[in-house]
């Protein structure tokens, strides 16, 4: 039990250390500056990479669907996001999910 408590305390210390560092640095960063722009680009690149991986090399239940179904559902979600709703993320994600379920069911 002592080792488990030590592990939990070490994890908590690591977590709160980064939170405290974030609070200390947050006041000095410009939200429109280069650092935030770079962080936004990195975050978008990570999301794009994860979505690409889910499309090309899915795992679990998603692996039972064909690549064509996954690409068609993604295209449907993108059309709803960019064209129909003009950047409503929730509508785009829901449209893609519904399209995936419908295409897989009708297949």
N, C-alpha and C. Protein backbone atom coordinates (compact mmCIF):
# COMPACT_ATOMS: atom_id res chain seq x y z
N UNK A 1 0.82 -1.20 0.00
CA UNK A 1 0.00 0.00 0.00
C UNK A 1 0.86 1.26 0.00
N UNK A 2 2.01 1.20 0.65
CA UNK A 2 2.90 2.36 0.71
C UNK A 2 3.44 2.75 -0.66
N UNK A 3 3.78 1.74 -1.47
CA UNK A 3 4.28 2.02 -2.82
C UNK A 3 3.20 2.66 -3.69
N UNK A 4 1.97 2.19 -3.55
CA UNK A 4 0.86 2.74 -4.33
C UNK A 4 0.61 4.20 -3.95
N UNK A 5 0.65 4.49 -2.67
CA UNK A 5 0.46 5.87 -2.21
C UNK A 5 1.58 6.77 -2.73
N UNK A 6 2.80 6.27 -2.72
CA UNK A 6 3.93 7.04 -3.24
C UNK A 6 3.76 7.31 -4.73
N UNK A 7 3.29 6.33 -5.47
CA UNK A 7 3.05 6.50 -6.90
C UNK A 7 1.98 7.55 -7.16
N UNK A 8 0.88 7.50 -6.42
CA UNK A 8 -0.20 8.47 -6.58
C UNK A 8 0.30 9.88 -6.25
N UNK A 9 1.07 10.01 -5.18
CA UNK A 9 1.60 11.32 -4.80
C UNK A 9 2.58 11.85 -5.85
N UNK A 10 3.40 10.98 -6.41
CA UNK A 10 4.34 11.41 -7.45
C UNK A 10 3.60 11.86 -8.70
N UNK A 11 2.56 11.14 -9.08
CA UNK A 11 1.75 11.54 -10.25
C UNK A 11 1.05 12.86 -9.99
N UNK A 12 0.50 13.03 -8.81
CA UNK A 12 -0.17 14.29 -8.47
C UNK A 12 0.82 15.44 -8.48
N UNK A 13 2.01 15.23 -7.96
CA UNK A 13 3.02 16.29 -7.94
C UNK A 13 3.40 16.68 -9.37
N UNK A 14 3.56 15.70 -10.23
CA UNK A 14 3.87 16.01 -11.63
C UNK A 14 2.76 16.78 -12.31
N UNK A 15 1.54 16.39 -12.06
CA UNK A 15 0.39 17.08 -12.67
C UNK A 15 0.29 18.51 -12.17
N UNK A 16 0.36 18.69 -10.87
CA UNK A 16 0.21 20.03 -10.30
C UNK A 16 1.41 20.92 -10.59
N UNK A 17 2.57 20.34 -10.81
CA UNK A 17 3.74 21.13 -11.19
C UNK A 17 3.49 21.81 -12.54
N UNK A 18 2.97 21.05 -13.51
CA UNK A 18 2.70 21.63 -14.83
C UNK A 18 1.57 22.65 -14.76
N UNK A 19 0.58 22.40 -13.93
CA UNK A 19 -0.50 23.38 -13.77
C UNK A 19 0.02 24.67 -13.17
N UNK A 20 0.85 24.57 -12.16
CA UNK A 20 1.41 25.77 -11.53
C UNK A 20 2.30 26.52 -12.52
N UNK A 21 3.07 25.80 -13.31
CA UNK A 21 3.90 26.44 -14.32
C UNK A 21 3.04 27.16 -15.35
N UNK A 22 1.92 26.55 -15.73
CA UNK A 22 1.00 27.18 -16.67
C UNK A 22 0.40 28.46 -16.11
N UNK A 23 0.04 28.44 -14.84
CA UNK A 23 -0.51 29.65 -14.20
C UNK A 23 0.56 30.74 -14.14
N UNK A 24 1.79 30.36 -13.83
CA UNK A 24 2.86 31.34 -13.72
C UNK A 24 3.21 31.97 -15.06
N UNK A 25 3.15 31.20 -16.13
CA UNK A 25 3.55 31.68 -17.45
C UNK A 25 2.39 32.31 -18.21
N UNK A 26 1.17 31.97 -17.87
CA UNK A 26 0.01 32.42 -18.65
C UNK A 26 -0.11 33.93 -18.74
N UNK A 27 0.23 34.63 -17.70
CA UNK A 27 0.11 36.08 -17.72
C UNK A 27 1.12 36.76 -18.63
N UNK A 28 2.19 36.08 -18.96
CA UNK A 28 3.25 36.67 -19.77
C UNK A 28 3.11 36.38 -21.26
N UNK A 29 2.22 35.48 -21.62
CA UNK A 29 2.08 35.10 -23.03
C UNK A 29 1.04 35.97 -23.73
N UNK A 30 1.35 36.34 -24.95
CA UNK A 30 0.42 37.11 -25.77
C UNK A 30 -0.46 36.13 -26.55
N UNK A 31 -1.79 36.15 -26.37
CA UNK A 31 -2.65 35.20 -27.08
C UNK A 31 -2.62 35.35 -28.59
N UNK A 32 -2.16 36.49 -29.08
CA UNK A 32 -2.06 36.70 -30.53
C UNK A 32 -0.61 36.60 -31.01
N UNK A 33 0.27 36.14 -30.16
CA UNK A 33 1.69 36.08 -30.49
C UNK A 33 2.08 34.83 -31.24
N UNK A 34 3.37 34.75 -31.52
CA UNK A 34 3.92 33.64 -32.30
C UNK A 34 3.83 32.31 -31.56
N UNK A 35 3.98 32.33 -30.24
CA UNK A 35 3.94 31.08 -29.47
C UNK A 35 2.56 30.44 -29.58
N UNK A 36 1.51 31.22 -29.42
CA UNK A 36 0.16 30.68 -29.52
C UNK A 36 -0.16 30.24 -30.94
N UNK A 37 0.31 30.98 -31.91
CA UNK A 37 0.11 30.59 -33.30
C UNK A 37 0.78 29.25 -33.58
N UNK A 38 2.00 29.09 -33.08
CA UNK A 38 2.72 27.84 -33.26
C UNK A 38 2.00 26.69 -32.55
N UNK A 39 1.53 26.94 -31.32
CA UNK A 39 0.82 25.90 -30.58
C UNK A 39 -0.47 25.50 -31.29
N UNK A 40 -1.18 26.46 -31.87
CA UNK A 40 -2.40 26.15 -32.61
C UNK A 40 -2.09 25.31 -33.84
N UNK A 41 -1.00 25.64 -34.53
CA UNK A 41 -0.61 24.85 -35.70
C UNK A 41 -0.23 23.42 -35.32
N UNK A 42 0.49 23.27 -34.23
CA UNK A 42 0.87 21.93 -33.77
C UNK A 42 -0.37 21.13 -33.37
N UNK A 43 -1.30 21.77 -32.67
CA UNK A 43 -2.53 21.08 -32.27
C UNK A 43 -3.33 20.64 -33.48
N UNK A 44 -3.46 21.51 -34.48
CA UNK A 44 -4.19 21.14 -35.69
C UNK A 44 -3.49 20.02 -36.44
N UNK A 45 -2.17 20.05 -36.48
CA UNK A 45 -1.43 18.99 -37.16
C UNK A 45 -1.62 17.65 -36.45
N UNK A 46 -1.66 17.67 -35.13
CA UNK A 46 -1.88 16.43 -34.38
C UNK A 46 -3.28 15.88 -34.64
N UNK A 47 -4.28 16.74 -34.66
CA UNK A 47 -5.65 16.29 -34.94
C UNK A 47 -5.73 15.73 -36.36
N UNK A 48 -5.12 16.41 -37.32
CA UNK A 48 -5.14 15.93 -38.70
C UNK A 48 -4.45 14.58 -38.82
N UNK A 49 -3.35 14.41 -38.11
CA UNK A 49 -2.66 13.12 -38.13
C UNK A 49 -3.49 12.00 -37.52
N UNK A 50 -4.16 12.29 -36.41
CA UNK A 50 -4.99 11.27 -35.77
C UNK A 50 -6.19 10.90 -36.63
N UNK A 51 -6.81 11.90 -37.26
CA UNK A 51 -7.95 11.61 -38.13
C UNK A 51 -7.49 10.80 -39.33
N UNK A 52 -6.35 11.15 -39.90
CA UNK A 52 -5.82 10.39 -41.04
C UNK A 52 -5.53 8.95 -40.64
N UNK A 53 -4.98 8.78 -39.46
CA UNK A 53 -4.69 7.42 -38.99
C UNK A 53 -5.99 6.63 -38.80
N UNK A 54 -7.02 7.28 -38.26
CA UNK A 54 -8.30 6.60 -38.08
C UNK A 54 -8.90 6.21 -39.42
N UNK A 55 -8.69 7.01 -40.44
CA UNK A 55 -9.23 6.70 -41.76
C UNK A 55 -8.45 5.59 -42.45
N UNK A 56 -7.13 5.65 -42.39
CA UNK A 56 -6.31 4.73 -43.17
C UNK A 56 -6.03 3.43 -42.42
N UNK A 57 -5.75 3.51 -41.14
CA UNK A 57 -5.43 2.32 -40.34
C UNK A 57 -6.30 2.26 -39.09
N UNK A 58 -7.60 2.00 -39.24
CA UNK A 58 -8.48 1.98 -38.07
C UNK A 58 -8.24 0.74 -37.21
N UNK A 59 -8.64 0.84 -35.96
CA UNK A 59 -8.57 -0.29 -35.04
C UNK A 59 -9.95 -0.51 -34.44
N UNK A 60 -10.16 -1.68 -33.90
CA UNK A 60 -11.43 -1.98 -33.25
C UNK A 60 -12.56 -2.14 -34.23
N UNK A 61 -13.73 -1.68 -33.83
CA UNK A 61 -14.94 -1.83 -34.64
C UNK A 61 -14.82 -1.05 -35.95
N UNK A 62 -14.15 0.08 -35.92
CA UNK A 62 -13.99 0.88 -37.13
C UNK A 62 -13.23 0.13 -38.22
N UNK A 63 -12.40 -0.83 -37.83
CA UNK A 63 -11.64 -1.62 -38.80
C UNK A 63 -12.54 -2.54 -39.61
N UNK A 64 -13.76 -2.78 -39.16
CA UNK A 64 -14.67 -3.65 -39.91
C UNK A 64 -15.34 -2.91 -41.07
N UNK A 65 -15.20 -1.60 -41.12
CA UNK A 65 -15.78 -0.83 -42.22
C UNK A 65 -14.76 -0.72 -43.34
N UNK A 66 -15.27 -0.54 -44.55
CA UNK A 66 -14.36 -0.42 -45.69
C UNK A 66 -13.81 1.00 -45.78
N UNK A 67 -12.70 1.13 -46.49
CA UNK A 67 -12.10 2.44 -46.66
C UNK A 67 -13.04 3.38 -47.40
N UNK A 68 -13.77 2.87 -48.38
CA UNK A 68 -14.72 3.70 -49.13
C UNK A 68 -15.81 4.27 -48.24
N UNK A 69 -16.33 3.46 -47.35
CA UNK A 69 -17.38 3.93 -46.42
C UNK A 69 -16.81 5.01 -45.50
N UNK A 70 -15.61 4.79 -44.98
CA UNK A 70 -15.00 5.78 -44.09
C UNK A 70 -14.72 7.09 -44.83
N UNK A 71 -14.23 7.00 -46.06
CA UNK A 71 -13.95 8.21 -46.83
C UNK A 71 -15.23 8.95 -47.20
N UNK A 72 -16.28 8.21 -47.57
CA UNK A 72 -17.55 8.84 -47.92
C UNK A 72 -18.17 9.54 -46.71
N UNK A 73 -18.11 8.90 -45.55
CA UNK A 73 -18.65 9.52 -44.34
C UNK A 73 -17.85 10.77 -43.96
N UNK A 74 -16.54 10.70 -44.13
CA UNK A 74 -15.70 11.86 -43.86
C UNK A 74 -16.03 13.00 -44.81
N UNK A 75 -16.21 12.68 -46.08
CA UNK A 75 -16.57 13.70 -47.07
C UNK A 75 -17.91 14.34 -46.72
N UNK A 76 -18.86 13.53 -46.29
CA UNK A 76 -20.17 14.05 -45.90
C UNK A 76 -20.04 15.02 -44.72
N UNK A 77 -19.27 14.64 -43.73
CA UNK A 77 -19.06 15.51 -42.58
C UNK A 77 -18.36 16.81 -42.97
N UNK A 78 -17.38 16.73 -43.86
CA UNK A 78 -16.68 17.94 -44.30
C UNK A 78 -17.59 18.87 -45.10
N UNK A 79 -18.45 18.29 -45.95
CA UNK A 79 -19.38 19.12 -46.72
C UNK A 79 -20.34 19.84 -45.78
N UNK A 80 -20.87 19.13 -44.80
CA UNK A 80 -21.78 19.77 -43.85
C UNK A 80 -21.04 20.85 -43.06
N UNK A 81 -19.82 20.57 -42.67
CA UNK A 81 -19.05 21.54 -41.88
C UNK A 81 -18.71 22.79 -42.68
N UNK A 82 -18.19 22.62 -43.90
CA UNK A 82 -17.72 23.78 -44.66
C UNK A 82 -18.80 24.45 -45.49
N UNK A 83 -19.71 23.67 -46.09
CA UNK A 83 -20.65 24.23 -47.06
C UNK A 83 -22.01 24.52 -46.43
N UNK A 84 -22.59 23.54 -45.78
CA UNK A 84 -23.97 23.67 -45.30
C UNK A 84 -24.06 24.60 -44.10
N UNK A 85 -23.25 24.37 -43.08
CA UNK A 85 -23.39 25.14 -41.84
C UNK A 85 -22.34 26.23 -41.68
N UNK A 86 -21.42 26.30 -42.58
CA UNK A 86 -20.34 27.30 -42.51
C UNK A 86 -19.59 27.23 -41.18
N UNK A 87 -18.98 26.09 -40.93
CA UNK A 87 -18.08 25.86 -39.79
C UNK A 87 -18.77 25.62 -38.46
N UNK A 88 -19.80 24.80 -38.47
CA UNK A 88 -20.42 24.33 -37.22
C UNK A 88 -19.86 22.93 -36.97
N UNK A 89 -18.93 22.83 -36.02
CA UNK A 89 -18.21 21.58 -35.78
C UNK A 89 -19.15 20.46 -35.34
N UNK A 90 -20.08 20.76 -34.46
CA UNK A 90 -21.00 19.74 -33.98
C UNK A 90 -21.82 19.16 -35.13
N UNK A 91 -22.33 20.01 -36.01
CA UNK A 91 -23.12 19.53 -37.14
C UNK A 91 -22.27 18.68 -38.08
N UNK A 92 -21.04 19.08 -38.32
CA UNK A 92 -20.16 18.30 -39.19
C UNK A 92 -19.84 16.93 -38.62
N UNK A 93 -19.53 16.89 -37.34
CA UNK A 93 -19.22 15.60 -36.69
C UNK A 93 -20.44 14.70 -36.68
N UNK A 94 -21.59 15.25 -36.32
CA UNK A 94 -22.82 14.44 -36.31
C UNK A 94 -23.16 13.93 -37.70
N UNK A 95 -23.01 14.77 -38.71
CA UNK A 95 -23.30 14.34 -40.08
C UNK A 95 -22.36 13.22 -40.50
N UNK A 96 -21.09 13.33 -40.16
CA UNK A 96 -20.15 12.27 -40.49
C UNK A 96 -20.47 10.97 -39.77
N UNK A 97 -20.85 11.05 -38.51
CA UNK A 97 -21.20 9.85 -37.74
C UNK A 97 -22.46 9.19 -38.29
N UNK A 98 -23.47 10.00 -38.57
CA UNK A 98 -24.72 9.45 -39.12
C UNK A 98 -24.45 8.83 -40.49
N UNK A 99 -23.65 9.50 -41.30
CA UNK A 99 -23.33 8.95 -42.62
C UNK A 99 -22.58 7.63 -42.50
N UNK A 100 -21.66 7.53 -41.56
CA UNK A 100 -20.92 6.28 -41.36
C UNK A 100 -21.86 5.15 -40.98
N UNK A 101 -22.76 5.41 -40.05
CA UNK A 101 -23.70 4.37 -39.62
C UNK A 101 -24.63 3.97 -40.76
N UNK A 102 -25.16 4.96 -41.47
CA UNK A 102 -26.08 4.66 -42.58
C UNK A 102 -25.38 3.90 -43.71
N UNK A 103 -24.21 4.36 -44.09
CA UNK A 103 -23.49 3.69 -45.18
C UNK A 103 -23.11 2.26 -44.80
N UNK A 104 -22.70 2.07 -43.56
CA UNK A 104 -22.33 0.72 -43.12
C UNK A 104 -23.56 -0.17 -43.04
N UNK A 105 -24.70 0.38 -42.62
CA UNK A 105 -25.93 -0.40 -42.51
C UNK A 105 -26.45 -0.78 -43.89
N UNK A 106 -26.39 0.15 -44.83
CA UNK A 106 -26.89 -0.10 -46.18
C UNK A 106 -25.95 -0.96 -47.01
N UNK A 107 -24.75 -1.13 -46.58
CA UNK A 107 -23.75 -1.90 -47.32
C UNK A 107 -24.03 -3.35 -47.31
